[in-house]
Amino acid sequence: MKQEMSVFELCRKNTKMSTRELFAWLGLVVDRDYERVDFGDRYLRVIGDGNVVEFSEPKGCFDRWANSGELTLDLTIKPQRRRFINIIEAETLH
């Protein structure tokens, strides 16, 4: 009998998935005006061609992106993509 795979496992295994597809599978809605996602107590910003994302400091400390970026990940690099998915999974299941 086949075991069901979570959406997070699917995203970890399918490394050819584009960033936009990844966001869709993870349920992340990008605000097209600001290229950001309202993600719990933080913002998530999409940079450049969409393969680089940046997490902000908590919203209570957020000033502007130049001063408030906390973590930047390049989703074309497998370990960073896995870390991104792990962060999203932890926050989603929290």
N, C-alpha and C. Protein backbone atom coordinates (compact mmCIF):
# COMPACT_ATOMS: atom_id res chain seq x y z
N MET A 1 0.84 -1.17 0.00
CA MET A 1 0.00 0.00 0.00
C MET A 1 0.89 1.24 0.00
N LYS A 2 0.54 2.20 -0.85
CA LYS A 2 1.31 3.45 -0.94
C LYS A 2 0.99 4.34 0.24
N GLN A 3 2.03 4.99 0.72
CA GLN A 3 1.86 5.94 1.80
C GLN A 3 1.65 7.34 1.21
N GLU A 4 0.72 8.10 1.78
CA GLU A 4 0.48 9.45 1.27
C GLU A 4 1.67 10.35 1.57
N MET A 5 1.93 11.25 0.64
CA MET A 5 3.04 12.19 0.77
C MET A 5 2.46 13.57 1.08
N SER A 6 3.05 14.24 2.06
CA SER A 6 2.58 15.59 2.38
C SER A 6 3.01 16.55 1.28
N VAL A 7 2.34 17.68 1.22
CA VAL A 7 2.69 18.70 0.22
C VAL A 7 4.13 19.16 0.43
N PHE A 8 4.60 19.17 1.67
CA PHE A 8 5.97 19.60 1.95
C PHE A 8 6.98 18.58 1.41
N GLU A 9 6.68 17.29 1.56
CA GLU A 9 7.54 16.25 1.01
C GLU A 9 7.56 16.33 -0.52
N LEU A 10 6.40 16.55 -1.11
CA LEU A 10 6.31 16.69 -2.56
C LEU A 10 7.19 17.84 -3.03
N CYS A 11 7.12 18.97 -2.35
CA CYS A 11 7.92 20.14 -2.73
C CYS A 11 9.42 19.88 -2.54
N ARG A 12 9.78 19.11 -1.51
CA ARG A 12 11.20 18.78 -1.30
C ARG A 12 11.72 17.87 -2.40
N LYS A 13 10.88 16.93 -2.85
CA LYS A 13 11.31 15.96 -3.86
C LYS A 13 11.33 16.53 -5.28
N ASN A 14 10.39 17.42 -5.59
CA ASN A 14 10.28 17.98 -6.94
C ASN A 14 11.14 19.24 -7.05
N THR A 15 12.42 19.05 -7.33
CA THR A 15 13.36 20.18 -7.38
C THR A 15 13.26 20.97 -8.68
N LYS A 16 12.55 20.46 -9.67
CA LYS A 16 12.40 21.19 -10.94
C LYS A 16 11.21 22.15 -10.92
N MET A 17 10.46 22.15 -9.83
CA MET A 17 9.30 23.02 -9.69
C MET A 17 9.77 24.48 -9.63
N SER A 18 9.11 25.34 -10.40
CA SER A 18 9.48 26.76 -10.36
C SER A 18 9.10 27.35 -9.01
N THR A 19 9.66 28.51 -8.71
CA THR A 19 9.36 29.18 -7.45
C THR A 19 7.88 29.52 -7.36
N ARG A 20 7.29 29.98 -8.45
CA ARG A 20 5.86 30.31 -8.46
C ARG A 20 5.01 29.06 -8.18
N GLU A 21 5.39 27.93 -8.78
CA GLU A 21 4.68 26.68 -8.52
C GLU A 21 4.85 26.27 -7.06
N LEU A 22 6.07 26.41 -6.54
CA LEU A 22 6.35 26.08 -5.15
C LEU A 22 5.46 26.90 -4.22
N PHE A 23 5.38 28.20 -4.47
CA PHE A 23 4.54 29.08 -3.66
C PHE A 23 3.07 28.64 -3.73
N ALA A 24 2.61 28.28 -4.93
CA ALA A 24 1.22 27.84 -5.09
C ALA A 24 0.95 26.57 -4.29
N TRP A 25 1.85 25.59 -4.37
CA TRP A 25 1.68 24.35 -3.63
C TRP A 25 1.70 24.60 -2.12
N LEU A 26 2.52 25.55 -1.68
CA LEU A 26 2.63 25.84 -0.25
C LEU A 26 1.55 26.80 0.24
N GLY A 27 0.72 27.29 -0.68
CA GLY A 27 -0.37 28.18 -0.30
C GLY A 27 0.06 29.59 0.02
N LEU A 28 1.21 30.01 -0.52
CA LEU A 28 1.72 31.36 -0.29
C LEU A 28 1.23 32.28 -1.40
N VAL A 29 0.51 33.32 -1.03
CA VAL A 29 -0.05 34.26 -2.00
C VAL A 29 0.82 35.50 -2.03
N VAL A 30 1.39 35.80 -3.19
CA VAL A 30 2.29 36.95 -3.35
C VAL A 30 1.47 38.18 -3.72
N ASP A 31 1.63 39.23 -2.94
CA ASP A 31 1.02 40.53 -3.24
C ASP A 31 1.80 41.10 -4.42
N ARG A 32 1.17 41.17 -5.58
CA ARG A 32 1.86 41.59 -6.81
C ARG A 32 2.33 43.04 -6.77
N ASP A 33 1.66 43.89 -6.00
CA ASP A 33 2.08 45.30 -5.92
C ASP A 33 3.41 45.44 -5.18
N TYR A 34 3.59 44.65 -4.13
CA TYR A 34 4.79 44.78 -3.31
C TYR A 34 5.72 43.58 -3.41
N GLU A 35 5.32 42.54 -4.15
CA GLU A 35 6.09 41.30 -4.28
C GLU A 35 6.44 40.74 -2.91
N ARG A 36 5.44 40.69 -2.04
CA ARG A 36 5.67 40.14 -0.71
C ARG A 36 4.50 39.27 -0.28
N VAL A 37 4.76 38.47 0.75
CA VAL A 37 3.76 37.58 1.33
C VAL A 37 3.61 37.97 2.79
N ASP A 38 2.37 38.10 3.24
CA ASP A 38 2.11 38.33 4.66
C ASP A 38 2.18 36.96 5.32
N PHE A 39 3.24 36.70 6.07
CA PHE A 39 3.52 35.36 6.58
C PHE A 39 3.55 35.38 8.11
N GLY A 40 2.40 35.23 8.71
CA GLY A 40 2.33 35.21 10.17
C GLY A 40 2.79 36.53 10.77
N ASP A 41 3.80 36.46 11.64
CA ASP A 41 4.29 37.70 12.27
C ASP A 41 5.45 38.32 11.50
N ARG A 42 5.67 37.86 10.28
CA ARG A 42 6.75 38.38 9.44
C ARG A 42 6.24 38.62 8.02
N TYR A 43 7.07 39.29 7.24
CA TYR A 43 6.82 39.41 5.81
C TYR A 43 7.84 38.54 5.09
N LEU A 44 7.49 38.11 3.92
CA LEU A 44 8.37 37.35 3.05
C LEU A 44 8.38 38.08 1.72
N ARG A 45 9.57 38.48 1.28
CA ARG A 45 9.69 39.27 0.06
C ARG A 45 10.33 38.44 -1.04
N VAL A 46 9.80 38.57 -2.25
CA VAL A 46 10.35 37.92 -3.44
C VAL A 46 11.25 38.94 -4.13
N ILE A 47 12.49 38.55 -4.41
CA ILE A 47 13.48 39.48 -4.97
C ILE A 47 13.85 39.06 -6.39
N GLY A 48 14.06 40.04 -7.25
CA GLY A 48 14.55 39.81 -8.62
C GLY A 48 13.62 38.94 -9.44
N ASP A 49 14.16 37.87 -10.01
CA ASP A 49 13.38 37.00 -10.89
C ASP A 49 12.47 36.04 -10.12
N GLY A 50 12.45 36.17 -8.80
CA GLY A 50 11.56 35.35 -7.98
C GLY A 50 12.22 34.15 -7.33
N ASN A 51 13.50 33.92 -7.60
CA ASN A 51 14.17 32.78 -7.01
C ASN A 51 14.85 33.08 -5.68
N VAL A 52 14.89 34.35 -5.31
CA VAL A 52 15.47 34.75 -4.03
C VAL A 52 14.35 35.30 -3.16
N VAL A 53 14.29 34.82 -1.92
CA VAL A 53 13.29 35.30 -0.97
C VAL A 53 13.98 35.81 0.28
N GLU A 54 13.34 36.76 0.93
CA GLU A 54 13.90 37.33 2.16
C GLU A 54 12.80 37.38 3.21
N PHE A 55 13.12 36.88 4.40
CA PHE A 55 12.22 36.97 5.54
C PHE A 55 12.56 38.24 6.30
N SER A 56 11.53 38.94 6.76
CA SER A 56 11.75 40.15 7.54
C SER A 56 11.90 39.81 9.02
N GLU A 57 12.29 40.81 9.78
CA GLU A 57 12.21 40.72 11.23
C GLU A 57 10.73 40.64 11.59
N PRO A 58 10.38 40.35 12.84
CA PRO A 58 8.96 40.37 13.22
C PRO A 58 8.32 41.71 12.88
N LYS A 59 7.03 41.67 12.53
CA LYS A 59 6.32 42.87 12.08
C LYS A 59 6.41 44.01 13.09
N GLY A 60 6.44 43.69 14.38
CA GLY A 60 6.53 44.73 15.41
C GLY A 60 7.82 45.53 15.34
N CYS A 61 8.87 44.94 14.76
CA CYS A 61 10.17 45.60 14.62
C CYS A 61 10.40 46.11 13.20
N PHE A 62 9.51 45.76 12.28
CA PHE A 62 9.72 46.07 10.87
C PHE A 62 9.67 47.57 10.62
N ASP A 63 10.73 48.07 9.96
CA ASP A 63 10.80 49.48 9.59
C ASP A 63 10.65 49.59 8.07
N ARG A 64 11.62 49.05 7.36
CA ARG A 64 11.62 48.98 5.90
C ARG A 64 12.60 47.87 5.54
N TRP A 65 12.56 47.41 4.32
CA TRP A 65 13.37 46.26 3.95
C TRP A 65 14.86 46.52 4.12
N ALA A 66 15.32 47.73 3.88
CA ALA A 66 16.75 48.03 4.00
C ALA A 66 17.25 47.79 5.43
N ASN A 67 16.37 47.95 6.41
CA ASN A 67 16.76 47.80 7.81
C ASN A 67 16.22 46.54 8.47
N SER A 68 15.30 45.86 7.83
CA SER A 68 14.54 44.83 8.53
C SER A 68 14.62 43.43 7.94
N GLY A 69 15.54 43.19 7.03
CA GLY A 69 15.71 41.85 6.49
C GLY A 69 16.43 40.97 7.49
N GLU A 70 15.94 39.75 7.68
CA GLU A 70 16.55 38.86 8.66
C GLU A 70 17.24 37.65 8.02
N LEU A 71 16.62 37.08 6.99
CA LEU A 71 17.16 35.87 6.36
C LEU A 71 16.87 35.91 4.87
N THR A 72 17.89 35.69 4.05
CA THR A 72 17.74 35.66 2.60
C THR A 72 18.12 34.27 2.10
N LEU A 73 17.28 33.69 1.26
CA LEU A 73 17.52 32.35 0.72
C LEU A 73 17.37 32.36 -0.80
N ASP A 74 18.29 31.68 -1.48
CA ASP A 74 18.22 31.51 -2.93
C ASP A 74 17.60 30.14 -3.19
N LEU A 75 16.40 30.12 -3.73
CA LEU A 75 15.66 28.87 -3.90
C LEU A 75 16.17 28.00 -5.04
N THR A 76 17.17 28.47 -5.78
CA THR A 76 17.79 27.62 -6.81
C THR A 76 18.88 26.74 -6.21
N ILE A 77 19.25 27.00 -4.97
CA ILE A 77 20.26 26.21 -4.26
C ILE A 77 19.52 25.21 -3.37
N LYS A 78 19.71 23.92 -3.62
CA LYS A 78 18.91 22.88 -2.97
C LYS A 78 18.87 22.97 -1.44
N PRO A 79 20.00 23.12 -0.75
CA PRO A 79 19.92 23.21 0.72
C PRO A 79 19.11 24.43 1.19
N GLN A 80 19.22 25.53 0.47
CA GLN A 80 18.46 26.72 0.85
C GLN A 80 16.97 26.54 0.55
N ARG A 81 16.66 25.85 -0.54
CA ARG A 81 15.26 25.55 -0.88
C ARG A 81 14.65 24.66 0.19
N ARG A 82 15.41 23.63 0.62
CA ARG A 82 14.93 22.74 1.69
C ARG A 82 14.71 23.51 2.99
N ARG A 83 15.64 24.41 3.30
CA ARG A 83 15.50 25.23 4.52
C ARG A 83 14.23 26.09 4.44
N PHE A 84 13.99 26.68 3.28
CA PHE A 84 12.79 27.49 3.07
C PHE A 84 11.53 26.66 3.32
N ILE A 85 11.46 25.48 2.72
CA ILE A 85 10.30 24.61 2.88
C ILE A 85 10.14 24.20 4.34
N ASN A 86 11.26 23.90 5.02
CA ASN A 86 11.20 23.54 6.44
C ASN A 86 10.64 24.69 7.28
N ILE A 87 11.05 25.92 6.98
CA ILE A 87 10.55 27.09 7.71
C ILE A 87 9.04 27.24 7.49
N ILE A 88 8.61 27.12 6.24
CA ILE A 88 7.18 27.25 5.92
C ILE A 88 6.39 26.14 6.62
N GLU A 89 6.92 24.92 6.58
CA GLU A 89 6.24 23.79 7.22
C GLU A 89 6.13 24.01 8.73
N ALA A 90 7.20 24.44 9.36
CA ALA A 90 7.19 24.67 10.81
C ALA A 90 6.16 25.73 11.20
N GLU A 91 6.09 26.80 10.43
CA GLU A 91 5.13 27.87 10.72
C GLU A 91 3.70 27.44 10.43
N THR A 92 3.52 26.64 9.39
CA THR A 92 2.19 26.19 9.00
C THR A 92 1.62 25.21 10.02
N LEU A 93 2.47 24.33 10.52
CA LEU A 93 2.02 23.31 11.47
C LEU A 93 2.03 23.82 12.90
N HIS A 94 2.55 25.01 13.12
CA HIS A 94 2.68 25.60 14.46
C HIS A 94 1.38 26.01 15.01
